[in-house]
Amino acid sequence: MTKEIKRSKRLRKKLYVGEYAVMGFEFSCAVNLQQESDFNQFFDGLGELIEARNLLIEGGGSANHFEGYVMSNTRYESATEEDRKAIESWLTSQDSISDTVVDKLSDAYYGY
């Protein structure tokens, strides 16, 4: 059993722990896009969804794989289960995307 560390409210906020923990989620998918215009359409659509939900995305990949981490664009706020479901739904609705995996919410700073 681990002993919980007592921290001041100011320190918890500075470290993004306790009530200030920020949650986000990872996703990955296989990409089958043939032309540059297909890539542009995919990333424009994903960008619009991310922006509409006030989220940030960090990601990367190759010509046939893409993965990323999504979190809130507002300091000390978290991505929600609804955000996670919206991204998953959008990815699975794309004809050129397969093998979509959207992980559960996790701590954006500490990974658990």
N, C-alpha and C. Protein backbone atom coordinates (compact mmCIF):
# COMPACT_ATOMS: atom_id res chain seq x y z
N MET A 1 0.84 -1.17 0.00
CA MET A 1 0.00 0.00 0.00
C MET A 1 0.89 1.24 0.00
N THR A 2 0.60 2.19 -0.91
CA THR A 2 1.41 3.39 -0.97
C THR A 2 0.77 4.50 -0.16
N LYS A 3 1.59 5.29 0.45
CA LYS A 3 1.13 6.40 1.26
C LYS A 3 0.87 7.59 0.34
N GLU A 4 -0.30 8.20 0.43
CA GLU A 4 -0.63 9.35 -0.40
C GLU A 4 0.17 10.55 0.06
N ILE A 5 0.74 11.27 -0.90
CA ILE A 5 1.57 12.43 -0.60
C ILE A 5 0.66 13.64 -0.38
N LYS A 6 0.86 14.33 0.71
CA LYS A 6 0.11 15.56 0.99
C LYS A 6 0.78 16.71 0.24
N ARG A 7 -0.02 17.40 -0.58
CA ARG A 7 0.48 18.54 -1.32
C ARG A 7 -0.48 19.71 -1.15
N SER A 8 0.05 20.90 -1.20
CA SER A 8 -0.80 22.09 -1.13
C SER A 8 -1.60 22.21 -2.42
N LYS A 9 -2.68 22.97 -2.36
CA LYS A 9 -3.52 23.18 -3.54
C LYS A 9 -2.70 23.80 -4.67
N ARG A 10 -1.84 24.74 -4.34
CA ARG A 10 -1.00 25.41 -5.33
C ARG A 10 -0.08 24.40 -6.02
N LEU A 11 0.52 23.51 -5.26
CA LEU A 11 1.42 22.52 -5.84
C LEU A 11 0.65 21.49 -6.67
N ARG A 12 -0.52 21.06 -6.20
CA ARG A 12 -1.34 20.12 -6.99
C ARG A 12 -1.69 20.72 -8.34
N LYS A 13 -2.03 22.02 -8.33
CA LYS A 13 -2.37 22.70 -9.57
C LYS A 13 -1.16 22.79 -10.50
N LYS A 14 -0.03 23.13 -9.94
CA LYS A 14 1.20 23.26 -10.72
C LYS A 14 1.64 21.92 -11.33
N LEU A 15 1.39 20.83 -10.61
CA LEU A 15 1.79 19.50 -11.06
C LEU A 15 0.69 18.77 -11.85
N TYR A 16 -0.48 19.39 -12.00
CA TYR A 16 -1.62 18.76 -12.69
C TYR A 16 -1.99 17.42 -12.06
N VAL A 17 -2.13 17.40 -10.75
CA VAL A 17 -2.53 16.18 -10.04
C VAL A 17 -3.79 16.46 -9.22
N GLY A 18 -4.39 15.38 -8.72
CA GLY A 18 -5.60 15.51 -7.92
C GLY A 18 -6.73 16.11 -8.73
N GLU A 19 -7.38 17.11 -8.17
CA GLU A 19 -8.50 17.74 -8.87
C GLU A 19 -8.07 18.51 -10.11
N TYR A 20 -6.77 18.68 -10.33
CA TYR A 20 -6.26 19.40 -11.50
C TYR A 20 -5.70 18.45 -12.57
N ALA A 21 -5.88 17.17 -12.40
CA ALA A 21 -5.42 16.20 -13.40
C ALA A 21 -6.16 16.46 -14.72
N VAL A 22 -5.45 16.33 -15.81
CA VAL A 22 -6.00 16.55 -17.14
C VAL A 22 -6.05 15.20 -17.86
N MET A 23 -7.24 14.87 -18.37
CA MET A 23 -7.43 13.58 -19.03
C MET A 23 -7.51 13.77 -20.54
N GLY A 24 -7.03 12.77 -21.25
CA GLY A 24 -7.09 12.74 -22.70
C GLY A 24 -7.14 11.29 -23.14
N PHE A 25 -6.97 11.04 -24.43
CA PHE A 25 -7.01 9.66 -24.92
C PHE A 25 -6.18 9.51 -26.19
N GLU A 26 -5.69 8.29 -26.38
CA GLU A 26 -4.93 7.93 -27.57
C GLU A 26 -5.84 7.26 -28.59
N PHE A 27 -5.46 7.36 -29.84
CA PHE A 27 -6.14 6.61 -30.89
C PHE A 27 -5.12 6.22 -31.95
N SER A 28 -5.45 5.19 -32.71
CA SER A 28 -4.64 4.79 -33.86
C SER A 28 -5.56 4.21 -34.91
N CYS A 29 -5.11 4.26 -36.15
CA CYS A 29 -5.93 3.71 -37.24
C CYS A 29 -5.04 3.43 -38.45
N ALA A 30 -5.51 2.52 -39.26
CA ALA A 30 -4.87 2.25 -40.55
C ALA A 30 -5.46 3.21 -41.57
N VAL A 31 -4.61 3.75 -42.42
CA VAL A 31 -5.02 4.76 -43.40
C VAL A 31 -4.82 4.19 -44.80
N ASN A 32 -5.84 4.32 -45.63
CA ASN A 32 -5.76 3.87 -47.02
C ASN A 32 -6.16 5.03 -47.92
N LEU A 33 -5.30 6.03 -47.97
CA LEU A 33 -5.54 7.21 -48.79
C LEU A 33 -4.59 7.17 -49.98
N GLN A 34 -5.13 7.41 -51.17
CA GLN A 34 -4.35 7.23 -52.39
C GLN A 34 -3.75 8.53 -52.92
N GLN A 35 -4.47 9.61 -52.79
CA GLN A 35 -4.03 10.87 -53.41
C GLN A 35 -3.86 11.94 -52.34
N GLU A 36 -3.10 12.96 -52.68
CA GLU A 36 -2.88 14.06 -51.75
C GLU A 36 -4.20 14.72 -51.36
N SER A 37 -5.12 14.82 -52.29
CA SER A 37 -6.42 15.43 -51.98
C SER A 37 -7.18 14.59 -50.93
N ASP A 38 -6.99 13.28 -50.93
CA ASP A 38 -7.61 12.42 -49.92
C ASP A 38 -7.04 12.73 -48.54
N PHE A 39 -5.71 12.91 -48.47
CA PHE A 39 -5.06 13.27 -47.20
C PHE A 39 -5.58 14.62 -46.71
N ASN A 40 -5.66 15.59 -47.62
CA ASN A 40 -6.16 16.91 -47.25
C ASN A 40 -7.58 16.84 -46.71
N GLN A 41 -8.43 16.08 -47.38
CA GLN A 41 -9.82 15.95 -46.95
C GLN A 41 -9.91 15.29 -45.57
N PHE A 42 -9.13 14.24 -45.36
CA PHE A 42 -9.12 13.55 -44.07
C PHE A 42 -8.67 14.49 -42.95
N PHE A 43 -7.53 15.15 -43.13
CA PHE A 43 -7.01 16.01 -42.06
C PHE A 43 -7.83 17.27 -41.86
N ASP A 44 -8.44 17.79 -42.92
CA ASP A 44 -9.34 18.94 -42.77
C ASP A 44 -10.55 18.54 -41.93
N GLY A 45 -11.13 17.39 -42.23
CA GLY A 45 -12.30 16.91 -41.47
C GLY A 45 -11.97 16.65 -40.02
N LEU A 46 -10.83 15.99 -39.78
CA LEU A 46 -10.41 15.71 -38.41
C LEU A 46 -10.12 17.02 -37.68
N GLY A 47 -9.47 17.94 -38.33
CA GLY A 47 -9.17 19.24 -37.73
C GLY A 47 -10.42 20.02 -37.37
N GLU A 48 -11.43 19.98 -38.24
CA GLU A 48 -12.69 20.67 -37.96
C GLU A 48 -13.38 20.07 -36.73
N LEU A 49 -13.37 18.75 -36.62
CA LEU A 49 -13.99 18.09 -35.47
C LEU A 49 -13.24 18.45 -34.19
N ILE A 50 -11.93 18.39 -34.23
CA ILE A 50 -11.10 18.71 -33.07
C ILE A 50 -11.36 20.15 -32.63
N GLU A 51 -11.36 21.07 -33.57
CA GLU A 51 -11.59 22.48 -33.26
C GLU A 51 -13.00 22.73 -32.73
N ALA A 52 -13.99 22.10 -33.32
CA ALA A 52 -15.38 22.28 -32.89
C ALA A 52 -15.59 21.82 -31.46
N ARG A 53 -14.83 20.84 -31.01
CA ARG A 53 -14.97 20.31 -29.66
C ARG A 53 -13.96 20.95 -28.69
N ASN A 54 -13.24 21.97 -29.15
CA ASN A 54 -12.25 22.68 -28.34
C ASN A 54 -11.19 21.73 -27.78
N LEU A 55 -10.65 20.91 -28.68
CA LEU A 55 -9.62 19.93 -28.31
C LEU A 55 -8.31 20.25 -29.00
N LEU A 56 -7.26 19.60 -28.55
CA LEU A 56 -5.95 19.63 -29.20
C LEU A 56 -5.59 18.21 -29.58
N ILE A 57 -4.81 18.06 -30.64
CA ILE A 57 -4.35 16.74 -31.04
C ILE A 57 -2.86 16.81 -31.32
N GLU A 58 -2.16 15.81 -30.87
CA GLU A 58 -0.75 15.64 -31.21
C GLU A 58 -0.65 14.27 -31.85
N GLY A 59 -0.10 14.21 -33.03
CA GLY A 59 -0.06 12.92 -33.69
C GLY A 59 0.93 12.86 -34.82
N GLY A 60 0.95 11.71 -35.44
CA GLY A 60 1.83 11.50 -36.57
C GLY A 60 1.62 10.11 -37.13
N GLY A 61 2.37 9.80 -38.14
CA GLY A 61 2.23 8.48 -38.74
C GLY A 61 2.96 8.37 -40.05
N SER A 62 2.45 7.50 -40.87
CA SER A 62 3.05 7.23 -42.18
C SER A 62 1.94 7.23 -43.22
N ALA A 63 2.26 6.80 -44.41
CA ALA A 63 1.28 6.77 -45.49
C ALA A 63 0.13 5.81 -45.20
N ASN A 64 0.34 4.81 -44.33
CA ASN A 64 -0.74 3.86 -44.07
C ASN A 64 -1.06 3.65 -42.60
N HIS A 65 -0.59 4.56 -41.73
CA HIS A 65 -0.92 4.45 -40.31
C HIS A 65 -0.89 5.85 -39.69
N PHE A 66 -1.85 6.12 -38.80
CA PHE A 66 -1.90 7.41 -38.12
C PHE A 66 -2.30 7.17 -36.67
N GLU A 67 -1.66 7.89 -35.77
CA GLU A 67 -2.02 7.79 -34.36
C GLU A 67 -1.87 9.16 -33.71
N GLY A 68 -2.58 9.35 -32.60
CA GLY A 68 -2.51 10.63 -31.95
C GLY A 68 -3.00 10.57 -30.52
N TYR A 69 -2.82 11.68 -29.83
CA TYR A 69 -3.31 11.86 -28.47
C TYR A 69 -4.16 13.12 -28.47
N VAL A 70 -5.34 13.04 -27.89
CA VAL A 70 -6.30 14.14 -27.88
C VAL A 70 -6.53 14.59 -26.45
N MET A 71 -6.52 15.92 -26.25
CA MET A 71 -6.81 16.48 -24.93
C MET A 71 -7.50 17.83 -25.12
N SER A 72 -7.99 18.40 -24.03
CA SER A 72 -8.71 19.67 -24.09
C SER A 72 -7.77 20.80 -24.47
N ASN A 73 -8.32 21.79 -25.16
CA ASN A 73 -7.57 22.98 -25.52
C ASN A 73 -7.61 24.03 -24.41
N THR A 74 -8.35 23.75 -23.34
CA THR A 74 -8.49 24.68 -22.23
C THR A 74 -7.67 24.18 -21.05
N ARG A 75 -6.87 25.04 -20.49
CA ARG A 75 -6.00 24.67 -19.38
C ARG A 75 -6.81 24.14 -18.20
N TYR A 76 -6.35 23.07 -17.61
CA TYR A 76 -6.96 22.39 -16.46
C TYR A 76 -8.29 21.73 -16.78
N GLU A 77 -8.65 21.61 -18.05
CA GLU A 77 -9.86 20.88 -18.42
C GLU A 77 -9.45 19.60 -19.13
N SER A 78 -10.35 18.65 -19.15
CA SER A 78 -10.08 17.34 -19.72
C SER A 78 -10.95 17.05 -20.92
N ALA A 79 -10.47 16.19 -21.78
CA ALA A 79 -11.32 15.61 -22.81
C ALA A 79 -12.34 14.73 -22.08
N THR A 80 -13.51 14.59 -22.66
CA THR A 80 -14.58 13.83 -22.01
C THR A 80 -14.82 12.51 -22.73
N GLU A 81 -15.62 11.69 -22.12
CA GLU A 81 -16.03 10.44 -22.75
C GLU A 81 -16.80 10.73 -24.03
N GLU A 82 -17.58 11.81 -24.05
CA GLU A 82 -18.32 12.20 -25.25
C GLU A 82 -17.35 12.60 -26.37
N ASP A 83 -16.28 13.30 -26.02
CA ASP A 83 -15.26 13.65 -27.01
C ASP A 83 -14.63 12.38 -27.59
N ARG A 84 -14.32 11.44 -26.71
CA ARG A 84 -13.71 10.18 -27.14
C ARG A 84 -14.63 9.44 -28.09
N LYS A 85 -15.90 9.38 -27.76
CA LYS A 85 -16.86 8.69 -28.62
C LYS A 85 -17.05 9.42 -29.96
N ALA A 86 -17.02 10.75 -29.94
CA ALA A 86 -17.18 11.52 -31.18
C ALA A 86 -16.02 11.28 -32.13
N ILE A 87 -14.80 11.25 -31.60
CA ILE A 87 -13.63 10.99 -32.44
C ILE A 87 -13.69 9.57 -32.99
N GLU A 88 -14.03 8.62 -32.13
CA GLU A 88 -14.12 7.22 -32.56
C GLU A 88 -15.18 7.07 -33.65
N SER A 89 -16.32 7.69 -33.46
CA SER A 89 -17.41 7.62 -34.44
C SER A 89 -16.98 8.22 -35.78
N TRP A 90 -16.33 9.37 -35.72
CA TRP A 90 -15.91 10.03 -36.95
C TRP A 90 -14.88 9.17 -37.69
N LEU A 91 -13.90 8.64 -36.96
CA LEU A 91 -12.87 7.81 -37.60
C LEU A 91 -13.48 6.56 -38.24
N THR A 92 -14.38 5.89 -37.53
CA THR A 92 -14.96 4.66 -38.07
C THR A 92 -15.91 4.94 -39.23
N SER A 93 -16.40 6.18 -39.35
CA SER A 93 -17.29 6.51 -40.46
C SER A 93 -16.54 6.83 -41.75
N GLN A 94 -15.23 6.98 -41.68
CA GLN A 94 -14.42 7.30 -42.86
C GLN A 94 -14.13 6.03 -43.64
N ASP A 95 -14.47 6.02 -44.93
CA ASP A 95 -14.26 4.85 -45.78
C ASP A 95 -12.79 4.46 -45.90
N SER A 96 -11.91 5.42 -45.85
CA SER A 96 -10.49 5.15 -46.07
C SER A 96 -9.73 4.82 -44.79
N ILE A 97 -10.45 4.70 -43.67
CA ILE A 97 -9.84 4.41 -42.37
C ILE A 97 -10.32 3.04 -41.89
N SER A 98 -9.40 2.24 -41.37
CA SER A 98 -9.77 0.93 -40.83
C SER A 98 -8.96 0.67 -39.57
N ASP A 99 -9.27 -0.42 -38.91
CA ASP A 99 -8.55 -0.84 -37.70
C ASP A 99 -8.43 0.28 -36.66
N THR A 100 -9.52 1.00 -36.47
CA THR A 100 -9.53 2.12 -35.52
C THR A 100 -9.54 1.61 -34.09
N VAL A 101 -8.62 2.13 -33.28
CA VAL A 101 -8.57 1.82 -31.86
C VAL A 101 -8.53 3.14 -31.11
N VAL A 102 -9.51 3.37 -30.24
CA VAL A 102 -9.56 4.57 -29.41
C VAL A 102 -9.51 4.11 -27.97
N ASP A 103 -8.44 4.46 -27.29
CA ASP A 103 -8.24 4.02 -25.91
C ASP A 103 -9.12 4.79 -24.94
N LYS A 104 -9.21 4.27 -23.73
CA LYS A 104 -9.98 4.94 -22.68
C LYS A 104 -9.24 6.19 -22.23
N LEU A 105 -9.93 7.04 -21.50
CA LEU A 105 -9.33 8.27 -20.99
C LEU A 105 -8.16 7.93 -20.06
N SER A 106 -7.10 8.71 -20.17
CA SER A 106 -5.92 8.52 -19.33
C SER A 106 -5.36 9.89 -18.96
N ASP A 107 -4.51 9.92 -17.94
CA ASP A 107 -3.90 11.15 -17.48
C ASP A 107 -2.95 11.67 -18.57
N ALA A 108 -3.21 12.88 -19.05
CA ALA A 108 -2.44 13.43 -20.16
C ALA A 108 -0.99 13.74 -19.80
N TYR A 109 -0.71 13.97 -18.53
CA TYR A 109 0.64 14.31 -18.11
C TYR A 109 1.42 13.13 -17.56
N TYR A 110 0.71 12.19 -16.94
CA TYR A 110 1.40 11.10 -16.27
C TYR A 110 1.08 9.73 -16.85
N GLY A 111 0.13 9.64 -17.79
CA GLY A 111 -0.12 8.41 -18.53
C GLY A 111 -0.90 7.31 -17.84
N TYR A 112 -1.46 7.51 -16.69
CA TYR A 112 -2.23 6.46 -16.03
C TYR A 112 -3.65 6.88 -15.84
